[in-house]
Amino acid sequence: MRPVKPAKAQTFTPDKDAQSASSTASRCPLCGGDNNCYVAMGRNPSDCWCMTQSISSAAREKAGDGSRCLCPGCGATTAP
């Protein structure tokens, strides 16, 4: 009778698409910097910077479809 090899322990590795989506969600679509998005961080959205700061309509237009949050610098009303 042949000895049975023990099964290799499997480690959990998050799906690459999930990792990519998470890192994309935390990046500003204009500058690529960290957007400090509380939703992307899993925190209370009402505490996010964007709830107390006016966001430039020009920056919103540049950002496109709104699927990703702007960073505070790009969202500022004085942003170029």
Protein backbone atom coordinates (compact mmCIF):
# COMPACT_ATOMS: atom_id res chain seq x y z
CA MET A 1 0.00 0.00 0.00
CA ARG A 2 1.35 3.45 -0.96
CA PRO A 3 1.57 6.18 1.66
CA VAL A 4 -0.87 9.02 1.21
CA LYS A 5 0.64 12.46 0.81
CA PRO A 6 -0.91 15.10 3.06
CA ALA A 7 -2.80 17.79 1.19
CA LYS A 8 -0.97 21.08 0.81
CA ALA A 9 -2.39 23.89 2.88
CA GLN A 10 -4.03 26.47 0.69
CA THR A 11 -3.62 30.12 1.39
CA PHE A 12 -6.23 32.69 0.50
CA THR A 13 -5.14 35.19 -2.11
CA PRO A 14 -7.58 37.95 -2.99
CA ASP A 15 -8.71 38.04 -6.59
CA LYS A 16 -6.48 40.27 -8.73
CA ASP A 17 -9.53 42.10 -10.09
CA ALA A 18 -10.73 42.81 -6.56
CA GLN A 19 -7.29 44.15 -5.62
CA SER A 20 -7.16 46.25 -8.76
CA ALA A 21 -10.67 47.62 -8.22
CA SER A 22 -9.84 48.49 -4.63
CA SER A 23 -6.63 50.29 -5.54
CA THR A 24 -8.37 52.08 -8.44
CA ALA A 25 -11.19 53.22 -6.16
CA SER A 26 -8.68 54.86 -3.83
CA ARG A 27 -7.00 56.83 -6.65
CA CYS A 28 -8.02 60.22 -8.01
CA PRO A 29 -8.97 59.94 -11.70
CA LEU A 30 -7.26 63.27 -12.46
CA CYS A 31 -3.85 63.06 -10.75
CA GLY A 32 -3.67 59.38 -9.73
CA GLY A 33 -2.97 60.33 -6.13
CA ASP A 34 -4.71 58.97 -3.04
CA ASN A 35 -8.24 60.40 -2.99
CA ASN A 36 -8.81 59.74 0.74
CA CYS A 37 -12.22 58.26 -0.12
CA TYR A 38 -13.91 57.01 3.02
CA VAL A 39 -16.17 54.70 1.02
CA ALA A 40 -13.13 53.02 -0.59
CA MET A 41 -11.57 52.74 2.89
CA GLY A 42 -14.72 51.14 4.31
CA ARG A 43 -15.28 54.05 6.66
CA ASN A 44 -18.32 56.22 7.34
CA PRO A 45 -18.96 58.24 4.14
CA SER A 46 -20.46 61.15 6.09
CA ASP A 47 -17.02 61.74 7.66
CA CYS A 48 -15.32 62.06 4.25
CA TRP A 49 -13.53 65.28 3.26
CA CYS A 50 -15.92 65.74 0.33
CA MET A 51 -18.88 66.20 2.66
CA THR A 52 -17.47 69.48 4.00
CA GLN A 53 -15.58 70.87 1.00
CA SER A 54 -17.07 72.36 -2.16
CA ILE A 55 -15.98 70.46 -5.26
CA SER A 56 -15.20 72.38 -8.41
CA SER A 57 -17.68 71.77 -11.23
CA ALA A 58 -14.73 71.95 -13.67
CA ALA A 59 -13.01 69.15 -11.75
CA ARG A 60 -16.21 67.09 -11.79
CA GLU A 61 -16.44 67.49 -15.56
CA LYS A 62 -12.79 66.46 -16.02
CA ALA A 63 -13.32 63.41 -13.79
CA GLY A 64 -15.84 61.91 -16.20
CA ASP A 65 -18.52 59.47 -15.13
CA GLY A 66 -18.06 59.97 -11.38
CA SER A 67 -17.24 56.33 -10.69
CA ARG A 68 -14.11 57.38 -8.77
CA CYS A 69 -13.65 60.11 -6.20
CA LEU A 70 -11.40 63.10 -6.66
CA CYS A 71 -8.62 63.90 -4.20
CA PRO A 72 -8.99 67.04 -2.07
CA GLY A 73 -6.43 68.92 -4.18
CA CYS A 74 -8.10 68.20 -7.54
CA GLY A 75 -11.57 68.71 -6.12
CA ALA A 76 -10.81 72.13 -4.65
CA THR A 77 -12.75 75.02 -6.14
CA THR A 78 -9.45 76.74 -6.90
CA ALA A 79 -8.09 73.77 -8.87
CA PRO A 80 -6.97 74.70 -12.41
